């Protein structure tokens, strides 16, 4: 009867309210998907569900009182437990609107994509490992400072020289800043902490690329030293087994002229569709 009464009193404002709450939880699920927090949250939800059912059936007064007063503890515990995810959400919010960084002109970005694709194909043929990071709205200055400052124009020859195995700069990442120049080489990136990355096939470069894409909106191009395969990391996801044509298509989608200073919801949706389509094609090839 209570459910029927509640449904009979739903108006337009209530529907909008429910949709906003659902959208909020949907957005939060994207922030913690593929991270350690996802497994932790799943365990907490299961535990609370079991406790609520038991207390309701057995009428355990003390346990019910504890559940009602646990919100104070949760208000302190949640920011501590989910600190990386909250930081990522605040960074995405800060990248919107007037806070967004200035991007390089479209013609320069297209040239950068061409140069990276050319260099990646040659590096793949020679099986020279490489990690190239393209800065977008998130500032990467703290990681640029960990490497050797270059401030040079992007070119295939420069990238091939940086990642030549006998040079001092090959072991690390080359970061292309927002002004369209190679800001640094041999930069140190954070490794991904996702629990799903347990396969030994992913080396340090791939984990660093995923880790950078988890804490920023940067696009990372990786060339495997062992297999010569080309991959792209974006949004905490890794797209593997790319050739020159697919690499150019994905870079145009993530880094090309369509990208503006404000990354809209529709652009994020297109990024997600591109990632999903690439993973489906990869699974079909493996099958």
C-alpha atoms as a PDB file:
ATOM      1  CA  UNK A   1       0.000   0.000   0.000  1.00  0.00           C
ATOM      2  CA  UNK A   2       2.828   2.387   0.781  1.00  0.00           C
ATOM      3  CA  UNK A   3       4.359   1.768  -2.641  1.00  0.00           C
ATOM      4  CA  UNK A   4       1.036   2.468  -4.388  1.00  0.00           C
ATOM      5  CA  UNK A   5       0.605   5.658  -2.356  1.00  0.00           C
ATOM      6  CA  UNK A   6       4.102   6.819  -3.241  1.00  0.00           C
ATOM      7  CA  UNK A   7       3.599   6.131  -6.948  1.00  0.00           C
ATOM      8  CA  UNK A   8       0.294   8.009  -6.977  1.00  0.00           C
ATOM      9  CA  UNK A   9       1.993  11.136  -5.590  1.00  0.00           C
ATOM     10  CA  UNK A  10       4.861  11.282  -8.089  1.00  0.00           C
ATOM     11  CA  UNK A  11       4.875  14.542 -10.054  1.00  0.00           C
ATOM     12  CA  UNK A  12       7.247  16.084 -12.601  1.00  0.00           C
ATOM     13  CA  UNK A  13       9.490  17.527  -9.907  1.00  0.00           C
ATOM     14  CA  UNK A  14       9.881  14.108  -8.268  1.00  0.00           C
ATOM     15  CA  UNK A  15      10.737  12.502 -11.604  1.00  0.00           C
ATOM     16  CA  UNK A  16      13.416  15.120 -12.280  1.00  0.00           C
ATOM     17  CA  UNK A  17      14.763  14.630  -8.766  1.00  0.00           C
ATOM     18  CA  UNK A  18      14.991  10.854  -9.234  1.00  0.00           C
ATOM     19  CA  UNK A  19      16.706  11.227 -12.604  1.00  0.00           C
ATOM     20  CA  UNK A  20      19.294  13.642 -11.179  1.00  0.00           C
ATOM     21  CA  UNK A  21      20.097  11.256  -8.328  1.00  0.00           C
ATOM     22  CA  UNK A  22      20.406   8.365 -10.799  1.00  0.00           C
ATOM     23  CA  UNK A  23      22.675  10.481 -13.026  1.00  0.00           C
ATOM     24  CA  UNK A  24      24.835  11.343 -10.018  1.00  0.00           C
ATOM     25  CA  UNK A  25      25.328   7.691  -9.092  1.00  0.00           C
ATOM     26  CA  UNK A  26      25.942   6.830 -12.756  1.00  0.00           C
ATOM     27  CA  UNK A  27      28.698   9.439 -12.936  1.00  0.00           C
ATOM     28  CA  UNK A  28      30.255   8.206  -9.706  1.00  0.00           C
ATOM     29  CA  UNK A  29      30.310   4.667 -11.070  1.00  0.00           C
ATOM     30  CA  UNK A  30      32.432   5.851 -14.020  1.00  0.00           C
ATOM     31  CA  UNK A  31      34.929   7.451 -11.650  1.00  0.00           C
ATOM     32  CA  UNK A  32      35.587   4.278  -9.679  1.00  0.00           C
ATOM     33  CA  UNK A  33      35.183   1.721 -12.459  1.00  0.00           C
ATOM     34  CA  UNK A  34      38.325  -0.385 -12.890  1.00  0.00           C
ATOM     35  CA  UNK A  35      39.903   0.861  -9.647  1.00  0.00           C
ATOM     36  CA  UNK A  36      40.460  -0.679  -6.238  1.00  0.00           C
ATOM     37  CA  UNK A  37      37.561   1.390  -4.899  1.00  0.00           C
ATOM     38  CA  UNK A  38      35.089  -0.576  -7.033  1.00  0.00           C
ATOM     39  CA  UNK A  39      35.755  -3.847  -5.221  1.00  0.00           C
ATOM     40  CA  UNK A  40      35.701  -2.052  -1.870  1.00  0.00           C
ATOM     41  CA  UNK A  41      32.381  -0.362  -2.634  1.00  0.00           C
ATOM     42  CA  UNK A  42      30.876  -3.655  -3.799  1.00  0.00           C
ATOM     43  CA  UNK A  43      31.861  -5.291  -0.535  1.00  0.00           C
ATOM     44  CA  UNK A  44      30.441  -2.439   1.551  1.00  0.00           C
ATOM     45  CA  UNK A  45      27.121  -2.525  -0.336  1.00  0.00           C
ATOM     46  CA  UNK A  46      26.799  -6.301   0.102  1.00  0.00           C
ATOM     47  CA  UNK A  47      27.640  -6.069   3.802  1.00  0.00           C
ATOM     48  CA  UNK A  48      25.185  -3.242   4.456  1.00  0.00           C
ATOM     49  CA  UNK A  49      22.482  -5.047   2.497  1.00  0.00           C
ATOM     50  CA  UNK A  50      22.872  -8.183   4.574  1.00  0.00           C
ATOM     51  CA  UNK A  51      22.911  -6.218   7.832  1.00  0.00           C
ATOM     52  CA  UNK A  52      19.784  -4.231   6.909  1.00  0.00           C
ATOM     53  CA  UNK A  53      17.875  -7.406   5.991  1.00  0.00           C
ATOM     54  CA  UNK A  54      18.916  -9.170   9.202  1.00  0.00           C
ATOM     55  CA  UNK A  55      18.018  -6.209  11.432  1.00  0.00           C
ATOM     56  CA  UNK A  56      14.630  -5.782   9.719  1.00  0.00           C
ATOM     57  CA  UNK A  57      13.690  -9.447  10.029  1.00  0.00           C
ATOM     58  CA  UNK A  58      14.958 -10.034  13.573  1.00  0.00           C
ATOM     59  CA  UNK A  59      14.118  -6.534  14.879  1.00  0.00           C
ATOM     60  CA  UNK A  60      17.560  -5.948  16.376  1.00  0.00           C
ATOM     61  CA  UNK A  61      17.178  -2.543  18.021  1.00  0.00           C
ATOM     62  CA  UNK A  62      20.809  -1.912  18.888  1.00  0.00           C
ATOM     63  CA  UNK A  63      22.018  -2.762  15.379  1.00  0.00           C
ATOM     64  CA  UNK A  64      19.322  -0.557  13.839  1.00  0.00           C
ATOM     65  CA  UNK A  65      20.479   2.342  16.006  1.00  0.00           C
ATOM     66  CA  UNK A  66      24.055   1.746  14.868  1.00  0.00           C
ATOM     67  CA  UNK A  67      23.051   1.830  11.205  1.00  0.00           C
ATOM     68  CA  UNK A  68      21.109   5.065  11.678  1.00  0.00           C
ATOM     69  CA  UNK A  69      24.096   6.767  13.284  1.00  0.00           C
ATOM     70  CA  UNK A  70      26.738   5.435  10.951  1.00  0.00           C
ATOM     71  CA  UNK A  71      26.341   8.407   8.565  1.00  0.00           C
ATOM     72  CA  UNK A  72      28.597  10.543  10.748  1.00  0.00           C
ATOM     73  CA  UNK A  73      31.352   7.973  10.497  1.00  0.00           C
ATOM     74  CA  UNK A  74      30.766   7.596   6.726  1.00  0.00           C
ATOM     75  CA  UNK A  75      31.125  11.360   6.202  1.00  0.00           C
ATOM     76  CA  UNK A  76      34.696  11.078   7.504  1.00  0.00           C
ATOM     77  CA  UNK A  77      35.578   7.683   6.047  1.00  0.00           C
ATOM     78  CA  UNK A  78      34.381   8.212   2.466  1.00  0.00           C
ATOM     79  CA  UNK A  79      36.759  11.115   1.615  1.00  0.00           C
ATOM     80  CA  UNK A  80      39.659   9.085   3.012  1.00  0.00           C
ATOM     81  CA  UNK A  81      38.823   5.795   1.280  1.00  0.00           C
ATOM     82  CA  UNK A  82      37.869   7.293  -2.073  1.00  0.00           C
ATOM     83  CA  UNK A  83      40.441  10.085  -2.118  1.00  0.00           C
ATOM     84  CA  UNK A  84      41.876   9.255  -5.614  1.00  0.00           C
ATOM     85  CA  UNK A  85      38.404   9.125  -7.180  1.00  0.00           C
ATOM     86  CA  UNK A  86      37.286  12.362  -5.509  1.00  0.00           C
ATOM     87  CA  UNK A  87      40.477  14.052  -6.655  1.00  0.00           C
ATOM     88  CA  UNK A  88      39.849  12.901 -10.215  1.00  0.00           C
ATOM     89  CA  UNK A  89      36.280  14.228 -10.134  1.00  0.00           C
ATOM     90  CA  UNK A  90      37.385  17.629  -8.820  1.00  0.00           C
ATOM     91  CA  UNK A  91      40.115  17.821 -11.467  1.00  0.00           C
ATOM     92  CA  UNK A  92      37.581  17.133 -14.221  1.00  0.00           C
ATOM     93  CA  UNK A  93      35.320  19.822 -12.787  1.00  0.00           C
ATOM     94  CA  UNK A  94      38.215  22.261 -12.646  1.00  0.00           C
ATOM     95  CA  UNK A  95      39.098  21.560 -16.289  1.00  0.00           C
ATOM     96  CA  UNK A  96      35.688  22.781 -17.435  1.00  0.00           C
ATOM     97  CA  UNK A  97      34.820  26.234 -18.673  1.00  0.00           C
ATOM     98  CA  UNK A  98      37.203  29.120 -17.946  1.00  0.00           C
ATOM     99  CA  UNK A  99      39.654  26.891 -16.084  1.00  0.00           C
ATOM    100  CA  UNK A 100      40.565  24.881 -19.175  1.00  0.00           C
ATOM    101  CA  UNK A 101      44.050  25.209 -20.619  1.00  0.00           C
ATOM    102  CA  UNK A 102      44.673  26.767 -24.005  1.00  0.00           C
ATOM    103  CA  UNK A 103      45.159  24.209 -26.748  1.00  0.00           C
ATOM    104  CA  UNK A 104      47.447  24.347 -29.766  1.00  0.00           C
ATOM    105  CA  UNK A 105      45.858  25.388 -33.097  1.00  0.00           C
ATOM    106  CA  UNK A 106      44.134  22.725 -35.154  1.00  0.00           C
ATOM    107  CA  UNK A 107      46.772  22.658 -37.910  1.00  0.00           C
ATOM    108  CA  UNK A 108      49.555  22.111 -35.378  1.00  0.00           C
ATOM    109  CA  UNK A 109      47.617  19.316 -33.685  1.00  0.00           C
ATOM    110  CA  UNK A 110      47.043  17.592 -37.033  1.00  0.00           C
ATOM    111  CA  UNK A 111      50.775  17.817 -37.761  1.00  0.00           C
ATOM    112  CA  UNK A 112      51.545  16.369 -34.327  1.00  0.00           C
ATOM    113  CA  UNK A 113      49.217  13.433 -35.032  1.00  0.00           C
ATOM    114  CA  UNK A 114      50.920  12.792 -38.396  1.00  0.00           C
ATOM    115  CA  UNK A 115      54.401  12.947 -36.836  1.00  0.00           C
ATOM    116  CA  UNK A 116      53.467  10.624 -33.969  1.00  0.00           C
ATOM    117  CA  UNK A 117      51.851   8.087 -36.313  1.00  0.00           C
ATOM    118  CA  UNK A 118      54.929   8.107 -38.562  1.00  0.00           C
ATOM    119  CA  UNK A 119      57.276   7.710 -35.603  1.00  0.00           C
ATOM    120  CA  UNK A 120      55.142   5.000 -33.990  1.00  0.00           C
ATOM    121  CA  UNK A 121      55.106   2.910 -37.167  1.00  0.00           C
ATOM    122  CA  UNK A 122      58.890   3.095 -37.493  1.00  0.00           C
ATOM    123  CA  UNK A 123      59.416   2.368 -33.807  1.00  0.00           C
ATOM    124  CA  UNK A 124      57.063  -0.597 -34.103  1.00  0.00           C
ATOM    125  CA  UNK A 125      59.006  -1.988 -37.062  1.00  0.00           C
ATOM    126  CA  UNK A 126      62.288  -1.661 -35.153  1.00  0.00           C
ATOM    127  CA  UNK A 127      60.742  -2.847 -31.855  1.00  0.00           C
ATOM    128  CA  UNK A 128      61.972   0.196 -29.982  1.00  0.00           C
ATOM    129  CA  UNK A 129      59.899   0.885 -26.900  1.00  0.00           C
ATOM    130  CA  UNK A 130      58.283   4.308 -26.627  1.00  0.00           C
ATOM    131  CA  UNK A 131      55.856   6.267 -24.456  1.00  0.00           C
ATOM    132  CA  UNK A 132      54.472   9.556 -25.770  1.00  0.00           C
ATOM    133  CA  UNK A 133      52.068  11.635 -23.667  1.00  0.00           C
ATOM    134  CA  UNK A 134      49.821  14.286 -25.232  1.00  0.00           C
ATOM    135  CA  UNK A 135      48.744  16.956 -22.763  1.00  0.00           C
ATOM    136  CA  UNK A 136      45.165  18.187 -23.060  1.00  0.00           C
ATOM    137  CA  UNK A 137      43.283  20.086 -20.350  1.00  0.00           C
ATOM    138  CA  UNK A 138      45.011  18.608 -17.291  1.00  0.00           C
ATOM    139  CA  UNK A 139      48.306  20.286 -16.483  1.00  0.00           C
ATOM    140  CA  UNK A 140      51.265  17.873 -16.584  1.00  0.00           C
ATOM    141  CA  UNK A 141      53.901  20.301 -15.296  1.00  0.00           C
ATOM    142  CA  UNK A 142      54.684  18.190 -12.245  1.00  0.00           C
ATOM    143  CA  UNK A 143      55.579  15.264 -14.524  1.00  0.00           C
ATOM    144  CA  UNK A 144      57.399  17.436 -17.062  1.00  0.00           C
ATOM    145  CA  UNK A 145      59.716  18.599 -14.274  1.00  0.00           C
ATOM    146  CA  UNK A 146      60.752  14.982 -13.571  1.00  0.00           C
ATOM    147  CA  UNK A 147      62.337  14.654 -17.024  1.00  0.00           C
ATOM    148  CA  UNK A 148      64.875  16.461 -19.174  1.00  0.00           C
ATOM    149  CA  UNK A 149      63.539  19.747 -20.562  1.00  0.00           C
ATOM    150  CA  UNK A 150      63.581  19.936 -24.363  1.00  0.00           C
ATOM    151  CA  UNK A 151      61.030  22.517 -25.597  1.00  0.00           C
ATOM    152  CA  UNK A 152      61.472  21.266 -29.161  1.00  0.00           C
ATOM    153  CA  UNK A 153      59.200  20.960 -32.176  1.00  0.00           C
ATOM    154  CA  UNK A 154      57.540  17.594 -32.650  1.00  0.00           C
ATOM    155  CA  UNK A 155      58.980  15.569 -35.508  1.00  0.00           C
ATOM    156  CA  UNK A 156      59.373  11.878 -36.339  1.00  0.00           C
ATOM    157  CA  UNK A 157      63.165  12.266 -36.325  1.00  0.00           C
ATOM    158  CA  UNK A 158      63.156  13.731 -32.820  1.00  0.00           C
ATOM    159  CA  UNK A 159      60.919  10.984 -31.433  1.00  0.00           C
ATOM    160  CA  UNK A 160      62.997   8.260 -33.099  1.00  0.00           C
ATOM    161  CA  UNK A 161      66.147   9.767 -31.602  1.00  0.00           C
ATOM    162  CA  UNK A 162      64.635  10.050 -28.112  1.00  0.00           C
ATOM    163  CA  UNK A 163      63.548   6.419 -28.036  1.00  0.00           C
ATOM    164  CA  UNK A 164      66.662   4.953 -29.625  1.00  0.00           C
ATOM    165  CA  UNK A 165      67.682   2.249 -27.090  1.00  0.00           C
ATOM    166  CA  UNK A 166      71.254   3.536 -26.714  1.00  0.00           C
ATOM    167  CA  UNK A 167      70.315   7.116 -25.819  1.00  0.00           C
ATOM    168  CA  UNK A 168      70.017   8.448 -22.271  1.00  0.00           C
ATOM    169  CA  UNK A 169      66.426   9.639 -22.793  1.00  0.00           C
ATOM    170  CA  UNK A 170      64.744   6.482 -24.072  1.00  0.00           C
ATOM    171  CA  UNK A 171      63.777   5.111 -20.651  1.00  0.00           C
ATOM    172  CA  UNK A 172      60.824   7.330 -19.748  1.00  0.00           C
ATOM    173  CA  UNK A 173      58.048   9.335 -21.355  1.00  0.00           C
ATOM    174  CA  UNK A 174      58.170  12.151 -23.881  1.00  0.00           C
ATOM    175  CA  UNK A 175      55.506  14.726 -23.013  1.00  0.00           C
ATOM    176  CA  UNK A 176      53.984  16.973 -25.677  1.00  0.00           C
ATOM    177  CA  UNK A 177      52.622  20.084 -23.983  1.00  0.00           C
ATOM    178  CA  UNK A 178      49.557  22.136 -24.913  1.00  0.00           C
ATOM    179  CA  UNK A 179      51.611  24.488 -27.081  1.00  0.00           C
ATOM    180  CA  UNK A 180      52.420  21.594 -29.422  1.00  0.00           C
ATOM    181  CA  UNK A 181      56.071  21.154 -28.453  1.00  0.00           C
ATOM    182  CA  UNK A 182      57.980  18.303 -26.841  1.00  0.00           C
ATOM    183  CA  UNK A 183      58.328  19.713 -23.340  1.00  0.00           C
ATOM    184  CA  UNK A 184      60.424  16.925 -21.841  1.00  0.00           C
ATOM    185  CA  UNK A 185      61.825  13.445 -22.315  1.00  0.00           C
ATOM    186  CA  UNK A 186      62.664  10.685 -19.816  1.00  0.00           C
ATOM    187  CA  UNK A 187      59.808  11.883 -17.602  1.00  0.00           C
ATOM    188  CA  UNK A 188      58.626   9.636 -14.787  1.00  0.00           C
ATOM    189  CA  UNK A 189      54.909   8.761 -14.759  1.00  0.00           C
ATOM    190  CA  UNK A 190      52.785   7.152 -12.030  1.00  0.00           C
ATOM    191  CA  UNK A 191      52.006   3.469 -12.488  1.00  0.00           C
ATOM    192  CA  UNK A 192      48.395   2.329 -12.543  1.00  0.00           C
ATOM    193  CA  UNK A 193      47.068   0.910  -9.289  1.00  0.00           C
ATOM    194  CA  UNK A 194      44.081  -0.854 -10.876  1.00  0.00           C
ATOM    195  CA  UNK A 195      43.594  -4.381  -9.593  1.00  0.00           C
ATOM    196  CA  UNK A 196      42.574  -5.552 -13.073  1.00  0.00           C
ATOM    197  CA  UNK A 197      46.117  -5.099 -14.416  1.00  0.00           C
ATOM    198  CA  UNK A 198      47.499  -8.388 -13.161  1.00  0.00           C
ATOM    199  CA  UNK A 199      48.553  -9.827 -16.517  1.00  0.00           C
ATOM    200  CA  UNK A 200      52.319 -10.089 -16.982  1.00  0.00           C
ATOM    201  CA  UNK A 201      51.932  -9.047 -20.628  1.00  0.00           C
ATOM    202  CA  UNK A 202      51.678  -5.394 -19.610  1.00  0.00           C
ATOM    203  CA  UNK A 203      55.084  -3.865 -19.045  1.00  0.00           C
ATOM    204  CA  UNK A 204      56.071  -0.751 -17.145  1.00  0.00           C
ATOM    205  CA  UNK A 205      55.371   1.553 -20.101  1.00  0.00           C
ATOM    206  CA  UNK A 206      51.801   0.302 -20.456  1.00  0.00           C
ATOM    207  CA  UNK A 207      51.149   0.571 -16.720  1.00  0.00           C
ATOM    208  CA  UNK A 208      52.590   4.087 -16.686  1.00  0.00           C
ATOM    209  CA  UNK A 209      50.411   5.075 -19.652  1.00  0.00           C
ATOM    210  CA  UNK A 210      47.273   3.754 -17.968  1.00  0.00           C
ATOM    211  CA  UNK A 211      48.279   5.384 -14.689  1.00  0.00           C
ATOM    212  CA  UNK A 212      48.703   8.776 -16.366  1.00  0.00           C
ATOM    213  CA  UNK A 213      45.356   8.441 -18.137  1.00  0.00           C
ATOM    214  CA  UNK A 214      43.688   7.586 -14.808  1.00  0.00           C
ATOM    215  CA  UNK A 215      44.754  10.805 -13.073  1.00  0.00           C
ATOM    216  CA  UNK A 216      44.486  13.141 -16.076  1.00  0.00           C
ATOM    217  CA  UNK A 217      42.813  13.491 -19.469  1.00  0.00           C
ATOM    218  CA  UNK A 218      46.110  12.978 -21.306  1.00  0.00           C
ATOM    219  CA  UNK A 219      46.359  10.653 -24.311  1.00  0.00           C
ATOM    220  CA  UNK A 220      49.272   8.214 -24.111  1.00  0.00           C
ATOM    221  CA  UNK A 221      50.763   6.365 -27.093  1.00  0.00           C
ATOM    222  CA  UNK A 222      52.781   3.252 -26.240  1.00  0.00           C
ATOM    223  CA  UNK A 223      55.024   1.099 -28.429  1.00  0.00           C
ATOM    224  CA  UNK A 224      55.951  -2.242 -26.914  1.00  0.00           C
ATOM    225  CA  UNK A 225      59.650  -3.056 -26.889  1.00  0.00           C
ATOM    226  CA  UNK A 226      58.992  -6.823 -26.838  1.00  0.00           C
ATOM    227  CA  UNK A 227      56.288  -7.152 -29.502  1.00  0.00           C
ATOM    228  CA  UNK A 228      56.381  -3.825 -31.345  1.00  0.00           C
ATOM    229  CA  UNK A 229      52.615  -3.429 -30.883  1.00  0.00           C
ATOM    230  CA  UNK A 230      51.142   0.053 -30.671  1.00  0.00           C
ATOM    231  CA  UNK A 231      48.614   0.952 -27.967  1.00  0.00           C
ATOM    232  CA  UNK A 232      46.754   4.014 -26.714  1.00  0.00           C
ATOM    233  CA  UNK A 233      45.710   4.756 -23.125  1.00  0.00           C
ATOM    234  CA  UNK A 234      42.879   7.184 -22.421  1.00  0.00           C
ATOM    235  CA  UNK A 235      40.535   7.503 -19.476  1.00  0.00           C
ATOM    236  CA  UNK A 236      42.102   4.538 -17.672  1.00  0.00           C
ATOM    237  CA  UNK A 237      41.513   2.217 -20.652  1.00  0.00           C
ATOM    238  CA  UNK A 238      44.091   0.665 -22.964  1.00  0.00           C
ATOM    239  CA  UNK A 239      43.441   0.113 -26.669  1.00  0.00           C
ATOM    240  CA  UNK A 240      45.924  -2.394 -28.064  1.00  0.00           C
ATOM    241  CA  UNK A 241      46.955  -3.986 -31.358  1.00  0.00           C
ATOM    242  CA  UNK A 242      46.812  -0.794 -33.408  1.00  0.00           C
ATOM    243  CA  UNK A 243      48.207  -0.221 -36.857  1.00  0.00           C
ATOM    244  CA  UNK A 244      49.054   3.167 -38.357  1.00  0.00           C
ATOM    245  CA  UNK A 245      45.570   3.759 -39.757  1.00  0.00           C
ATOM    246  CA  UNK A 246      43.716   2.929 -36.547  1.00  0.00           C
ATOM    247  CA  UNK A 247      46.227   4.927 -34.514  1.00  0.00           C
ATOM    248  CA  UNK A 248      45.561   7.993 -36.658  1.00  0.00           C
ATOM    249  CA  UNK A 249      41.782   7.538 -36.366  1.00  0.00           C
ATOM    250  CA  UNK A 250      41.833   7.256 -32.581  1.00  0.00           C
ATOM    251  CA  UNK A 251      44.260  10.167 -32.157  1.00  0.00           C
ATOM    252  CA  UNK A 252      41.996  12.322 -34.295  1.00  0.00           C
ATOM    253  CA  UNK A 253      39.074  11.351 -32.056  1.00  0.00           C
ATOM    254  CA  UNK A 254      40.906  12.021 -28.784  1.00  0.00           C
ATOM    255  CA  UNK A 255      43.354  14.772 -29.698  1.00  0.00           C
ATOM    256  CA  UNK A 256      42.260  16.160 -33.060  1.00  0.00           C
ATOM    257  CA  UNK A 257      40.501  19.431 -33.935  1.00  0.00           C
ATOM    258  CA  UNK A 258      37.166  18.235 -32.550  1.00  0.00           C
ATOM    259  CA  UNK A 259      38.585  18.407 -29.028  1.00  0.00           C
ATOM    260  CA  UNK A 260      37.836  21.802 -27.430  1.00  0.00           C
ATOM    261  CA  UNK A 261      38.868  23.269 -24.099  1.00  0.00           C
ATOM    262  CA  UNK A 262      35.639  22.037 -22.535  1.00  0.00           C
ATOM    263  CA  UNK A 263      35.240  18.300 -22.940  1.00  0.00           C
ATOM    264  CA  UNK A 264      31.497  17.935 -23.277  1.00  0.00           C
ATOM    265  CA  UNK A 265      29.401  14.968 -22.332  1.00  0.00           C
ATOM    266  CA  UNK A 266      28.900  14.103 -25.999  1.00  0.00           C
ATOM    267  CA  UNK A 267      32.648  14.075 -26.625  1.00  0.00           C
ATOM    268  CA  UNK A 268      33.136  11.733 -23.685  1.00  0.00           C
ATOM    269  CA  UNK A 269      30.427   9.498 -25.078  1.00  0.00           C
ATOM    270  CA  UNK A 270      32.205   9.368 -28.438  1.00  0.00           C
ATOM    271  CA  UNK A 271      35.457   8.511 -26.676  1.00  0.00           C
ATOM    272  CA  UNK A 272      33.712   5.679 -24.855  1.00  0.00           C
ATOM    273  CA  UNK A 273      32.157   4.346 -28.064  1.00  0.00           C
ATOM    274  CA  UNK A 274      35.538   4.422 -29.790  1.00  0.00           C
ATOM    275  CA  UNK A 275      37.100   2.528 -26.898  1.00  0.00           C
ATOM    276  CA  UNK A 276      34.298  -0.057 -26.883  1.00  0.00           C
ATOM    277  CA  UNK A 277      34.457  -0.569 -30.648  1.00  0.00           C
ATOM    278  CA  UNK A 278      38.221  -1.080 -30.527  1.00  0.00           C
ATOM    279  CA  UNK A 279      37.969  -3.615 -27.714  1.00  0.00           C
ATOM    280  CA  UNK A 280      35.263  -5.536 -29.604  1.00  0.00           C
ATOM    281  CA  UNK A 281      37.454  -5.668 -32.711  1.00  0.00           C
ATOM    282  CA  UNK A 282      40.368  -6.851 -30.591  1.00  0.00           C
ATOM    283  CA  UNK A 283      38.301  -9.646 -29.055  1.00  0.00           C
ATOM    284  CA  UNK A 284      37.158 -10.750 -32.506  1.00  0.00           C
ATOM    285  CA  UNK A 285      40.743 -10.927 -33.721  1.00  0.00           C
ATOM    286  CA  UNK A 286      41.786 -12.976 -30.700  1.00  0.00           C
ATOM    287  CA  UNK A 287      38.844 -15.351 -31.258  1.00  0.00           C
END
